[in-house]
Amino acid sequence: MRPSPVGRWVLIGAIGLATLLAGMLFDAWADAFWRRAPASGWLWWWGRAAYWAGLGWLQIGLCLALAGAGWLLKRRQWLASALGGVWAVAVAGLGAQVLKHLVGRPRPHLNQDWWTITGPGWQSEMHSFPSGHAATSFALAVVLAQRFPRAWLLWYGGAAFIALGRVVDRSHFPLDIMAGALLGAGVGWLVAGRLRAKEKAAP
């Protein structure tokens, strides 16, 4: 039995509230932990790798390379998937940037209280929420997992590696990457659905 429209919104709201509360608990724990034990050794390298792998322009570049390969090899699925990935990364990245500028949450390495919110601003150090790296990575992962489902663990594993790496290097709190992942997954789901609809409508 499917829930009513009101029931669905209540369920979504409950899940959102639970996610928010869990994220806040993780934020408090992570902030205290990483202040005592800053990332070093392989953790530092994880943070650096996550930063570069999660850059939206790099992800778009890889999608365009896949699109070029699909065009040369006449693989329509590669081409459509790559262009869908470009759209997903661009939209998720733009959405994350807008929210960052509006919220104004200090990044963890500034050592301010984890609940601090400063409001709209342009300083990059105040753009912790949500994580743009998590948003673009999960947007791309959802599209690729829908298009190439056998490799779903690779896509989602890569996105999780990037998102968690941003917590390790104290660029984001756990709630930041959770919000970014949800934003990206929502965008990716919409883009993947649009691709499926277009393919079904094609002659």
N, C-alpha and C. Protein backbone atom coordinates (compact mmCIF):
# COMPACT_ATOMS: atom_id res chain seq x y z
N MET A 1 0.84 -1.20 0.00
CA MET A 1 0.00 0.00 0.00
C MET A 1 0.88 1.25 0.00
N ARG A 2 0.67 2.11 -0.97
CA ARG A 2 1.48 3.31 -1.08
C ARG A 2 0.96 4.40 -0.14
N PRO A 3 1.88 5.18 0.46
CA PRO A 3 1.42 6.27 1.33
C PRO A 3 0.76 7.37 0.52
N SER A 4 -0.14 8.12 1.15
CA SER A 4 -0.79 9.25 0.51
C SER A 4 0.24 10.35 0.23
N PRO A 5 -0.10 11.33 -0.64
CA PRO A 5 0.83 12.44 -0.89
C PRO A 5 1.26 13.14 0.39
N VAL A 6 0.32 13.35 1.31
CA VAL A 6 0.68 13.98 2.59
C VAL A 6 1.61 13.08 3.38
N GLY A 7 1.31 11.79 3.37
CA GLY A 7 2.15 10.83 4.08
C GLY A 7 3.57 10.79 3.53
N ARG A 8 3.69 10.92 2.21
CA ARG A 8 5.03 10.92 1.60
C ARG A 8 5.82 12.14 2.06
N TRP A 9 5.16 13.30 2.10
CA TRP A 9 5.86 14.51 2.55
C TRP A 9 6.24 14.43 4.02
N VAL A 10 5.37 13.81 4.83
CA VAL A 10 5.70 13.62 6.25
C VAL A 10 6.91 12.71 6.39
N LEU A 11 6.93 11.65 5.58
CA LEU A 11 8.06 10.72 5.62
C LEU A 11 9.35 11.41 5.18
N ILE A 12 9.27 12.19 4.10
CA ILE A 12 10.44 12.91 3.62
C ILE A 12 10.93 13.90 4.68
N GLY A 13 9.99 14.59 5.32
CA GLY A 13 10.36 15.53 6.37
C GLY A 13 11.02 14.84 7.55
N ALA A 14 10.50 13.65 7.93
CA ALA A 14 11.07 12.91 9.05
C ALA A 14 12.49 12.44 8.72
N ILE A 15 12.66 11.96 7.48
CA ILE A 15 13.99 11.53 7.07
C ILE A 15 14.97 12.71 7.06
N GLY A 16 14.48 13.85 6.55
CA GLY A 16 15.32 15.04 6.52
C GLY A 16 15.72 15.49 7.91
N LEU A 17 14.76 15.47 8.85
CA LEU A 17 15.05 15.87 10.23
C LEU A 17 16.03 14.91 10.89
N ALA A 18 15.82 13.61 10.66
CA ALA A 18 16.73 12.61 11.23
C ALA A 18 18.14 12.78 10.66
N THR A 19 18.23 13.07 9.36
CA THR A 19 19.53 13.29 8.74
C THR A 19 20.21 14.52 9.33
N LEU A 20 19.42 15.58 9.55
CA LEU A 20 19.98 16.81 10.13
C LEU A 20 20.52 16.56 11.53
N LEU A 21 19.74 15.86 12.37
CA LEU A 21 20.18 15.59 13.73
C LEU A 21 21.41 14.69 13.76
N ALA A 22 21.41 13.66 12.90
CA ALA A 22 22.57 12.78 12.83
C ALA A 22 23.80 13.54 12.36
N GLY A 23 23.61 14.41 11.36
CA GLY A 23 24.72 15.21 10.85
C GLY A 23 25.29 16.12 11.91
N MET A 24 24.43 16.71 12.74
CA MET A 24 24.90 17.60 13.79
C MET A 24 25.72 16.84 14.84
N LEU A 25 25.27 15.62 15.17
CA LEU A 25 26.04 14.80 16.11
C LEU A 25 27.40 14.44 15.52
N PHE A 26 27.43 14.06 14.24
CA PHE A 26 28.69 13.75 13.58
C PHE A 26 29.60 14.97 13.52
N ASP A 27 29.00 16.14 13.28
CA ASP A 27 29.78 17.38 13.22
C ASP A 27 30.51 17.62 14.53
N ALA A 28 29.79 17.51 15.64
CA ALA A 28 30.39 17.75 16.95
C ALA A 28 31.53 16.76 17.21
N TRP A 29 31.29 15.49 16.87
CA TRP A 29 32.31 14.47 17.11
C TRP A 29 33.53 14.70 16.22
N ALA A 30 33.29 14.93 14.91
CA ALA A 30 34.39 15.10 13.97
C ALA A 30 35.22 16.34 14.30
N ASP A 31 34.54 17.41 14.68
CA ASP A 31 35.26 18.64 15.02
C ASP A 31 36.20 18.41 16.19
N ALA A 32 35.71 17.75 17.23
CA ALA A 32 36.54 17.47 18.40
C ALA A 32 37.68 16.52 18.05
N PHE A 33 37.38 15.51 17.24
CA PHE A 33 38.40 14.51 16.89
C PHE A 33 39.53 15.11 16.08
N TRP A 34 39.19 15.83 15.00
CA TRP A 34 40.23 16.33 14.10
C TRP A 34 41.00 17.50 14.69
N ARG A 35 40.44 18.18 15.69
CA ARG A 35 41.21 19.22 16.39
C ARG A 35 42.34 18.58 17.19
N ARG A 36 42.05 17.38 17.76
CA ARG A 36 43.07 16.68 18.56
C ARG A 36 44.08 15.96 17.68
N ALA A 37 43.63 15.46 16.52
CA ALA A 37 44.50 14.63 15.69
C ALA A 37 44.38 15.04 14.23
N PRO A 38 45.05 16.14 13.82
CA PRO A 38 45.00 16.57 12.41
C PRO A 38 45.50 15.47 11.48
N ALA A 39 44.94 15.43 10.28
CA ALA A 39 45.31 14.40 9.32
C ALA A 39 46.79 14.49 8.97
N SER A 40 47.44 13.34 8.93
CA SER A 40 48.86 13.27 8.54
C SER A 40 49.09 11.96 7.80
N GLY A 41 50.24 11.84 7.18
CA GLY A 41 50.57 10.61 6.46
C GLY A 41 49.60 10.33 5.34
N TRP A 42 49.11 9.09 5.29
CA TRP A 42 48.24 8.71 4.18
C TRP A 42 46.90 9.43 4.25
N LEU A 43 46.45 9.85 5.45
CA LEU A 43 45.22 10.61 5.56
C LEU A 43 45.35 11.97 4.87
N TRP A 44 46.53 12.57 5.00
CA TRP A 44 46.76 13.85 4.34
C TRP A 44 46.68 13.67 2.82
N TRP A 45 47.28 12.58 2.33
CA TRP A 45 47.23 12.31 0.89
C TRP A 45 45.80 12.01 0.43
N TRP A 46 45.04 11.36 1.28
CA TRP A 46 43.62 11.11 0.96
C TRP A 46 42.89 12.44 0.77
N GLY A 47 43.12 13.37 1.68
CA GLY A 47 42.49 14.67 1.56
C GLY A 47 42.87 15.40 0.29
N ARG A 48 44.14 15.34 -0.06
CA ARG A 48 44.60 16.01 -1.29
C ARG A 48 44.00 15.35 -2.52
N ALA A 49 44.00 14.01 -2.55
CA ALA A 49 43.42 13.29 -3.69
C ALA A 49 41.93 13.58 -3.83
N ALA A 50 41.23 13.66 -2.70
CA ALA A 50 39.80 13.96 -2.73
C ALA A 50 39.55 15.35 -3.27
N TYR A 51 40.40 16.30 -2.91
CA TYR A 51 40.23 17.67 -3.40
C TYR A 51 40.31 17.71 -4.93
N TRP A 52 41.36 17.12 -5.48
CA TRP A 52 41.56 17.19 -6.93
C TRP A 52 40.53 16.36 -7.69
N ALA A 53 40.23 15.16 -7.19
CA ALA A 53 39.29 14.29 -7.89
C ALA A 53 37.87 14.85 -7.87
N GLY A 54 37.56 15.69 -6.88
CA GLY A 54 36.22 16.21 -6.77
C GLY A 54 35.99 17.56 -7.40
N LEU A 55 36.98 18.10 -8.07
CA LEU A 55 36.81 19.39 -8.74
C LEU A 55 35.83 19.25 -9.90
N GLY A 56 34.82 20.09 -9.92
CA GLY A 56 33.79 19.99 -10.94
C GLY A 56 34.32 20.13 -12.35
N TRP A 57 35.24 21.06 -12.55
CA TRP A 57 35.76 21.26 -13.91
C TRP A 57 36.54 20.04 -14.40
N LEU A 58 37.21 19.35 -13.46
CA LEU A 58 37.92 18.13 -13.84
C LEU A 58 36.95 17.01 -14.18
N GLN A 59 35.88 16.90 -13.40
CA GLN A 59 34.86 15.88 -13.68
C GLN A 59 34.17 16.13 -15.01
N ILE A 60 33.90 17.41 -15.30
CA ILE A 60 33.30 17.75 -16.59
C ILE A 60 34.27 17.42 -17.72
N GLY A 61 35.55 17.69 -17.51
CA GLY A 61 36.55 17.35 -18.52
C GLY A 61 36.60 15.87 -18.82
N LEU A 62 36.51 15.04 -17.78
CA LEU A 62 36.51 13.60 -17.97
C LEU A 62 35.25 13.14 -18.71
N CYS A 63 34.12 13.78 -18.39
CA CYS A 63 32.88 13.45 -19.11
C CYS A 63 32.99 13.81 -20.58
N LEU A 64 33.59 14.96 -20.87
CA LEU A 64 33.75 15.37 -22.27
C LEU A 64 34.70 14.42 -23.01
N ALA A 65 35.72 13.91 -22.31
CA ALA A 65 36.62 12.93 -22.92
C ALA A 65 35.86 11.65 -23.24
N LEU A 66 34.99 11.22 -22.32
CA LEU A 66 34.16 10.04 -22.56
C LEU A 66 33.20 10.28 -23.73
N ALA A 67 32.67 11.50 -23.81
CA ALA A 67 31.77 11.84 -24.91
C ALA A 67 32.51 11.77 -26.24
N GLY A 68 33.74 12.28 -26.25
CA GLY A 68 34.54 12.21 -27.48
C GLY A 68 34.82 10.78 -27.89
N ALA A 69 35.15 9.93 -26.90
CA ALA A 69 35.39 8.52 -27.20
C ALA A 69 34.12 7.86 -27.73
N GLY A 70 32.98 8.19 -27.12
CA GLY A 70 31.72 7.62 -27.58
C GLY A 70 31.38 8.04 -28.99
N TRP A 71 31.70 9.29 -29.33
CA TRP A 71 31.43 9.78 -30.68
C TRP A 71 32.34 9.10 -31.70
N LEU A 72 33.62 8.96 -31.36
CA LEU A 72 34.57 8.33 -32.29
C LEU A 72 34.28 6.85 -32.49
N LEU A 73 33.90 6.18 -31.40
CA LEU A 73 33.67 4.73 -31.47
C LEU A 73 32.21 4.39 -31.77
N LYS A 74 31.39 5.45 -31.97
CA LYS A 74 29.97 5.25 -32.27
C LYS A 74 29.24 4.47 -31.17
N ARG A 75 29.59 4.82 -29.92
CA ARG A 75 28.90 4.25 -28.76
C ARG A 75 27.92 5.30 -28.23
N ARG A 76 26.69 5.18 -28.66
CA ARG A 76 25.68 6.19 -28.30
C ARG A 76 25.46 6.26 -26.80
N GLN A 77 25.54 5.11 -26.11
CA GLN A 77 25.33 5.11 -24.67
C GLN A 77 26.44 5.90 -23.97
N TRP A 78 27.69 5.73 -24.43
CA TRP A 78 28.79 6.49 -23.84
C TRP A 78 28.55 7.99 -24.02
N LEU A 79 28.18 8.37 -25.23
CA LEU A 79 27.99 9.79 -25.54
C LEU A 79 26.86 10.38 -24.70
N ALA A 80 25.71 9.71 -24.67
CA ALA A 80 24.58 10.22 -23.89
C ALA A 80 24.90 10.27 -22.41
N SER A 81 25.57 9.24 -21.90
CA SER A 81 25.91 9.19 -20.48
C SER A 81 26.87 10.30 -20.10
N ALA A 82 27.85 10.55 -20.97
CA ALA A 82 28.84 11.58 -20.69
C ALA A 82 28.21 12.97 -20.68
N LEU A 83 27.35 13.23 -21.66
CA LEU A 83 26.68 14.54 -21.70
C LEU A 83 25.72 14.69 -20.52
N GLY A 84 25.07 13.61 -20.12
CA GLY A 84 24.24 13.66 -18.93
C GLY A 84 25.08 13.95 -17.69
N GLY A 85 26.26 13.36 -17.64
CA GLY A 85 27.17 13.62 -16.53
C GLY A 85 27.59 15.08 -16.46
N VAL A 86 27.83 15.68 -17.62
CA VAL A 86 28.18 17.11 -17.66
C VAL A 86 27.07 17.95 -17.07
N TRP A 87 25.83 17.66 -17.49
CA TRP A 87 24.69 18.41 -16.97
C TRP A 87 24.54 18.22 -15.46
N ALA A 88 24.68 16.98 -15.00
CA ALA A 88 24.51 16.70 -13.58
C ALA A 88 25.56 17.42 -12.74
N VAL A 89 26.81 17.36 -13.17
CA VAL A 89 27.88 18.02 -12.43
C VAL A 89 27.69 19.53 -12.42
N ALA A 90 27.33 20.09 -13.58
CA ALA A 90 27.16 21.54 -13.68
C ALA A 90 26.02 22.03 -12.80
N VAL A 91 24.87 21.37 -12.85
CA VAL A 91 23.70 21.80 -12.08
C VAL A 91 23.94 21.62 -10.58
N ALA A 92 24.47 20.45 -10.20
CA ALA A 92 24.73 20.20 -8.78
C ALA A 92 25.78 21.18 -8.25
N GLY A 93 26.82 21.42 -9.03
CA GLY A 93 27.85 22.35 -8.60
C GLY A 93 27.33 23.76 -8.44
N LEU A 94 26.50 24.19 -9.38
CA LEU A 94 25.92 25.54 -9.30
C LEU A 94 25.00 25.65 -8.08
N GLY A 95 24.17 24.63 -7.86
CA GLY A 95 23.29 24.64 -6.71
C GLY A 95 24.06 24.72 -5.40
N ALA A 96 25.14 23.94 -5.30
CA ALA A 96 25.96 23.97 -4.09
C ALA A 96 26.59 25.34 -3.88
N GLN A 97 27.05 25.96 -4.96
CA GLN A 97 27.68 27.27 -4.84
C GLN A 97 26.69 28.33 -4.35
N VAL A 98 25.48 28.28 -4.86
CA VAL A 98 24.46 29.24 -4.42
C VAL A 98 24.20 29.08 -2.93
N LEU A 99 24.03 27.84 -2.48
CA LEU A 99 23.77 27.59 -1.07
C LEU A 99 24.95 28.00 -0.20
N LYS A 100 26.17 27.73 -0.66
CA LYS A 100 27.36 28.11 0.10
C LYS A 100 27.37 29.61 0.39
N HIS A 101 27.11 30.40 -0.66
CA HIS A 101 27.15 31.85 -0.51
C HIS A 101 26.03 32.37 0.39
N LEU A 102 24.91 31.66 0.43
CA LEU A 102 23.78 32.10 1.25
C LEU A 102 23.96 31.71 2.72
N VAL A 103 24.47 30.50 2.98
CA VAL A 103 24.54 29.99 4.35
C VAL A 103 25.71 30.62 5.12
N GLY A 104 26.91 30.55 4.57
CA GLY A 104 28.07 31.13 5.24
C GLY A 104 28.52 30.36 6.47
N ARG A 105 28.82 29.08 6.30
CA ARG A 105 29.32 28.28 7.42
C ARG A 105 30.84 28.20 7.36
N PRO A 106 31.55 28.56 8.46
CA PRO A 106 33.02 28.50 8.46
C PRO A 106 33.53 27.08 8.27
N ARG A 107 34.63 26.94 7.56
CA ARG A 107 35.23 25.62 7.38
C ARG A 107 35.85 25.14 8.69
N PRO A 108 35.90 23.82 8.90
CA PRO A 108 36.39 23.29 10.18
C PRO A 108 37.79 23.76 10.58
N HIS A 109 38.68 23.91 9.59
CA HIS A 109 40.06 24.26 9.96
C HIS A 109 40.20 25.66 10.52
N LEU A 110 39.14 26.45 10.50
CA LEU A 110 39.17 27.77 11.13
C LEU A 110 38.99 27.67 12.64
N ASN A 111 38.61 26.47 13.11
CA ASN A 111 38.46 26.20 14.54
C ASN A 111 37.39 27.06 15.22
N GLN A 112 36.39 27.44 14.47
CA GLN A 112 35.24 28.08 15.08
C GLN A 112 34.26 27.01 15.55
N ASP A 113 33.29 27.41 16.37
CA ASP A 113 32.30 26.44 16.83
C ASP A 113 31.55 25.84 15.64
N TRP A 114 31.29 24.54 15.70
CA TRP A 114 30.73 23.83 14.56
C TRP A 114 29.32 24.32 14.20
N TRP A 115 28.64 24.97 15.14
CA TRP A 115 27.27 25.44 14.86
C TRP A 115 27.24 26.87 14.30
N THR A 116 28.40 27.48 14.08
CA THR A 116 28.46 28.87 13.63
C THR A 116 27.92 29.03 12.21
N ILE A 117 27.06 30.01 12.00
CA ILE A 117 26.54 30.39 10.69
C ILE A 117 26.68 31.91 10.57
N THR A 118 27.31 32.39 9.51
CA THR A 118 27.54 33.84 9.37
C THR A 118 26.62 34.50 8.36
N GLY A 119 25.91 33.72 7.56
CA GLY A 119 25.01 34.30 6.57
C GLY A 119 25.70 34.57 5.25
N PRO A 120 25.02 35.24 4.33
CA PRO A 120 25.55 35.45 2.98
C PRO A 120 26.93 36.13 2.98
N GLY A 121 27.77 35.68 2.06
CA GLY A 121 29.11 36.25 1.94
C GLY A 121 29.85 35.65 0.77
N TRP A 122 31.04 36.19 0.51
CA TRP A 122 31.82 35.78 -0.65
C TRP A 122 33.13 35.08 -0.29
N GLN A 123 33.48 35.01 0.98
CA GLN A 123 34.74 34.42 1.38
C GLN A 123 34.71 32.90 1.27
N SER A 124 35.67 32.32 0.59
CA SER A 124 35.72 30.87 0.40
C SER A 124 35.80 30.12 1.72
N GLU A 125 36.46 30.70 2.71
CA GLU A 125 36.60 30.04 4.00
C GLU A 125 35.27 29.94 4.75
N MET A 126 34.27 30.65 4.28
CA MET A 126 32.95 30.60 4.90
C MET A 126 31.96 29.80 4.04
N HIS A 127 32.48 28.96 3.19
CA HIS A 127 31.63 28.21 2.26
C HIS A 127 31.69 26.71 2.53
N SER A 128 31.50 26.34 3.78
CA SER A 128 31.59 24.92 4.14
C SER A 128 30.33 24.14 3.79
N PHE A 129 29.15 24.78 3.90
CA PHE A 129 27.88 24.06 3.70
C PHE A 129 27.17 24.55 2.45
N PRO A 130 26.79 23.62 1.56
CA PRO A 130 27.12 22.20 1.53
C PRO A 130 28.44 21.97 0.78
N SER A 131 28.89 20.74 0.76
CA SER A 131 30.12 20.42 0.05
C SER A 131 29.87 20.33 -1.46
N GLY A 132 30.53 21.19 -2.21
CA GLY A 132 30.41 21.13 -3.67
C GLY A 132 31.05 19.87 -4.23
N HIS A 133 32.15 19.42 -3.61
CA HIS A 133 32.80 18.19 -4.06
C HIS A 133 31.85 17.00 -3.93
N ALA A 134 31.15 16.92 -2.79
CA ALA A 134 30.20 15.82 -2.59
C ALA A 134 29.03 15.93 -3.57
N ALA A 135 28.57 17.15 -3.79
CA ALA A 135 27.42 17.34 -4.69
C ALA A 135 27.74 16.89 -6.11
N THR A 136 28.84 17.36 -6.66
CA THR A 136 29.17 16.99 -8.04
C THR A 136 29.52 15.52 -8.17
N SER A 137 30.22 14.98 -7.17
CA SER A 137 30.65 13.58 -7.23
C SER A 137 29.46 12.63 -7.18
N PHE A 138 28.50 12.91 -6.30
CA PHE A 138 27.33 12.03 -6.21
C PHE A 138 26.38 12.23 -7.38
N ALA A 139 26.31 13.45 -7.91
CA ALA A 139 25.49 13.67 -9.10
C ALA A 139 26.01 12.83 -10.25
N LEU A 140 27.32 12.85 -10.45
CA LEU A 140 27.93 12.06 -11.52
C LEU A 140 27.81 10.58 -11.24
N ALA A 141 27.98 10.18 -9.98
CA ALA A 141 27.90 8.76 -9.62
C ALA A 141 26.52 8.19 -9.91
N VAL A 142 25.47 8.96 -9.58
CA VAL A 142 24.11 8.47 -9.82
C VAL A 142 23.85 8.28 -11.31
N VAL A 143 24.27 9.24 -12.11
CA VAL A 143 24.08 9.13 -13.56
C VAL A 143 24.82 7.90 -14.09
N LEU A 144 26.08 7.75 -13.71
CA LEU A 144 26.87 6.63 -14.22
C LEU A 144 26.35 5.29 -13.70
N ALA A 145 25.88 5.26 -12.46
CA ALA A 145 25.34 4.02 -11.91
C ALA A 145 24.05 3.61 -12.62
N GLN A 146 23.25 4.58 -13.03
CA GLN A 146 22.04 4.29 -13.78
C GLN A 146 22.37 3.80 -15.19
N ARG A 147 23.43 4.35 -15.75
CA ARG A 147 23.79 4.02 -17.13
C ARG A 147 24.65 2.76 -17.23
N PHE A 148 25.53 2.57 -16.24
CA PHE A 148 26.42 1.41 -16.22
C PHE A 148 26.28 0.73 -14.85
N PRO A 149 25.16 0.06 -14.62
CA PRO A 149 24.85 -0.46 -13.28
C PRO A 149 25.81 -1.52 -12.76
N ARG A 150 26.48 -2.25 -13.64
CA ARG A 150 27.39 -3.29 -13.16
C ARG A 150 28.57 -2.71 -12.37
N ALA A 151 28.89 -1.46 -12.64
CA ALA A 151 30.02 -0.83 -11.97
C ALA A 151 29.55 0.14 -10.88
N TRP A 152 28.35 -0.08 -10.34
CA TRP A 152 27.79 0.86 -9.36
C TRP A 152 28.70 1.05 -8.16
N LEU A 153 29.39 -0.01 -7.72
CA LEU A 153 30.26 0.10 -6.55
C LEU A 153 31.42 1.04 -6.83
N LEU A 154 31.92 1.02 -8.05
CA LEU A 154 33.01 1.92 -8.43
C LEU A 154 32.54 3.38 -8.38
N TRP A 155 31.37 3.65 -8.95
CA TRP A 155 30.88 5.04 -8.99
C TRP A 155 30.58 5.58 -7.60
N TYR A 156 29.83 4.81 -6.81
CA TYR A 156 29.47 5.29 -5.47
C TYR A 156 30.66 5.25 -4.52
N GLY A 157 31.52 4.25 -4.71
CA GLY A 157 32.72 4.19 -3.88
C GLY A 157 33.63 5.39 -4.13
N GLY A 158 33.76 5.77 -5.41
CA GLY A 158 34.58 6.94 -5.74
C GLY A 158 34.00 8.21 -5.16
N ALA A 159 32.67 8.36 -5.23
CA ALA A 159 32.02 9.55 -4.68
C ALA A 159 32.20 9.61 -3.16
N ALA A 160 32.05 8.46 -2.49
CA ALA A 160 32.23 8.42 -1.04
C ALA A 160 33.68 8.73 -0.66
N PHE A 161 34.63 8.22 -1.44
CA PHE A 161 36.06 8.51 -1.20
C PHE A 161 36.31 10.01 -1.23
N ILE A 162 35.74 10.68 -2.22
CA ILE A 162 35.93 12.13 -2.36
C ILE A 162 35.25 12.87 -1.21
N ALA A 163 34.00 12.52 -0.93
CA ALA A 163 33.26 13.24 0.11
C ALA A 163 33.91 13.08 1.48
N LEU A 164 34.27 11.85 1.86
CA LEU A 164 34.88 11.63 3.16
C LEU A 164 36.27 12.26 3.25
N GLY A 165 36.97 12.31 2.12
CA GLY A 165 38.28 12.94 2.11
C GLY A 165 38.22 14.41 2.45
N ARG A 166 37.10 15.04 2.13
CA ARG A 166 36.93 16.47 2.45
C ARG A 166 36.71 16.69 3.94
N VAL A 167 36.20 15.67 4.64
CA VAL A 167 36.11 15.74 6.10
C VAL A 167 37.47 15.49 6.72
N VAL A 168 38.20 14.54 6.16
CA VAL A 168 39.52 14.20 6.68
C VAL A 168 40.47 15.41 6.67
N ASP A 169 40.44 16.20 5.58
CA ASP A 169 41.35 17.35 5.53
C ASP A 169 40.74 18.62 6.13
N ARG A 170 39.61 18.46 6.84
CA ARG A 170 38.98 19.55 7.58
C ARG A 170 38.52 20.70 6.70
N SER A 171 38.10 20.37 5.51
CA SER A 171 37.49 21.38 4.64
C SER A 171 35.98 21.41 4.80
N HIS A 172 35.41 20.30 5.32
CA HIS A 172 33.96 20.22 5.51
C HIS A 172 33.63 19.42 6.75
N PHE A 173 32.47 19.71 7.32
CA PHE A 173 31.90 18.91 8.39
C PHE A 173 31.10 17.76 7.77
N PRO A 174 30.83 16.70 8.55
CA PRO A 174 30.02 15.59 8.01
C PRO A 174 28.67 16.04 7.46
N LEU A 175 27.99 16.98 8.13
CA LEU A 175 26.70 17.44 7.63
C LEU A 175 26.84 18.10 6.27
N ASP A 176 27.96 18.76 6.04
CA ASP A 176 28.20 19.41 4.74
C ASP A 176 28.23 18.40 3.61
N ILE A 177 28.93 17.29 3.84
CA ILE A 177 29.03 16.29 2.76
C ILE A 177 27.72 15.51 2.63
N MET A 178 26.99 15.34 3.74
CA MET A 178 25.69 14.67 3.65
C MET A 178 24.72 15.51 2.82
N ALA A 179 24.71 16.82 3.08
CA ALA A 179 23.82 17.71 2.32
C ALA A 179 24.24 17.76 0.86
N GLY A 180 25.55 17.84 0.62
CA GLY A 180 26.03 17.86 -0.76
C GLY A 180 25.70 16.58 -1.50
N ALA A 181 25.85 15.44 -0.80
CA ALA A 181 25.53 14.15 -1.43
C ALA A 181 24.05 14.05 -1.78
N LEU A 182 23.18 14.52 -0.88
CA LEU A 182 21.74 14.49 -1.16
C LEU A 182 21.38 15.40 -2.32
N LEU A 183 21.98 16.59 -2.35
CA LEU A 183 21.73 17.50 -3.46
C LEU A 183 22.19 16.87 -4.78
N GLY A 184 23.40 16.34 -4.78
CA GLY A 184 23.94 15.74 -5.99
C GLY A 184 23.15 14.53 -6.44
N ALA A 185 22.77 13.68 -5.48
CA ALA A 185 21.99 12.48 -5.84
C ALA A 185 20.64 12.86 -6.44
N GLY A 186 20.01 13.91 -5.89
CA GLY A 186 18.74 14.35 -6.45
C GLY A 186 18.88 14.85 -7.87
N VAL A 187 19.91 15.64 -8.12
CA VAL A 187 20.17 16.15 -9.48
C VAL A 187 20.48 14.99 -10.42
N GLY A 188 21.34 14.09 -9.97
CA GLY A 188 21.71 12.95 -10.81
C GLY A 188 20.53 12.08 -11.15
N TRP A 189 19.64 11.86 -10.19
CA TRP A 189 18.44 11.06 -10.43
C TRP A 189 17.54 11.72 -11.48
N LEU A 190 17.38 13.04 -11.39
CA LEU A 190 16.57 13.75 -12.38
C LEU A 190 17.18 13.67 -13.77
N VAL A 191 18.50 13.85 -13.85
CA VAL A 191 19.17 13.80 -15.15
C VAL A 191 19.10 12.40 -15.75
N ALA A 192 19.34 11.39 -14.93
CA ALA A 192 19.27 10.01 -15.42
C ALA A 192 17.86 9.67 -15.90
N GLY A 193 16.86 10.13 -15.17
CA GLY A 193 15.48 9.91 -15.59
C GLY A 193 15.18 10.57 -16.92
N ARG A 194 15.71 11.77 -17.10
CA ARG A 194 15.51 12.48 -18.37
C ARG A 194 16.16 11.74 -19.53
N LEU A 195 17.33 11.19 -19.28
CA LEU A 195 18.01 10.42 -20.33
C LEU A 195 17.21 9.19 -20.72
N ARG A 196 16.66 8.49 -19.72
CA ARG A 196 15.86 7.30 -20.02
C ARG A 196 14.61 7.67 -20.82
N ALA A 197 13.96 8.78 -20.44
CA ALA A 197 12.76 9.20 -21.13
C ALA A 197 13.05 9.54 -22.59
N LYS A 198 14.17 10.20 -22.84
CA LYS A 198 14.53 10.57 -24.21
C LYS A 198 14.83 9.35 -25.04
N GLU A 199 15.49 8.35 -24.45
CA GLU A 199 15.81 7.14 -25.19
C GLU A 199 14.56 6.33 -25.53
N LYS A 200 13.60 6.32 -24.61
CA LYS A 200 12.34 5.61 -24.87
C LYS A 200 11.54 6.30 -25.97
N ALA A 201 11.65 7.62 -26.02
CA ALA A 201 10.89 8.36 -27.02
C ALA A 201 11.55 8.37 -28.39
N ALA A 202 12.85 8.00 -28.42
CA ALA A 202 13.59 8.00 -29.71
C ALA A 202 13.06 6.89 -30.60
N PRO A 203 13.01 7.13 -31.93
CA PRO A 203 12.51 6.10 -32.87
C PRO A 203 13.48 4.92 -32.97
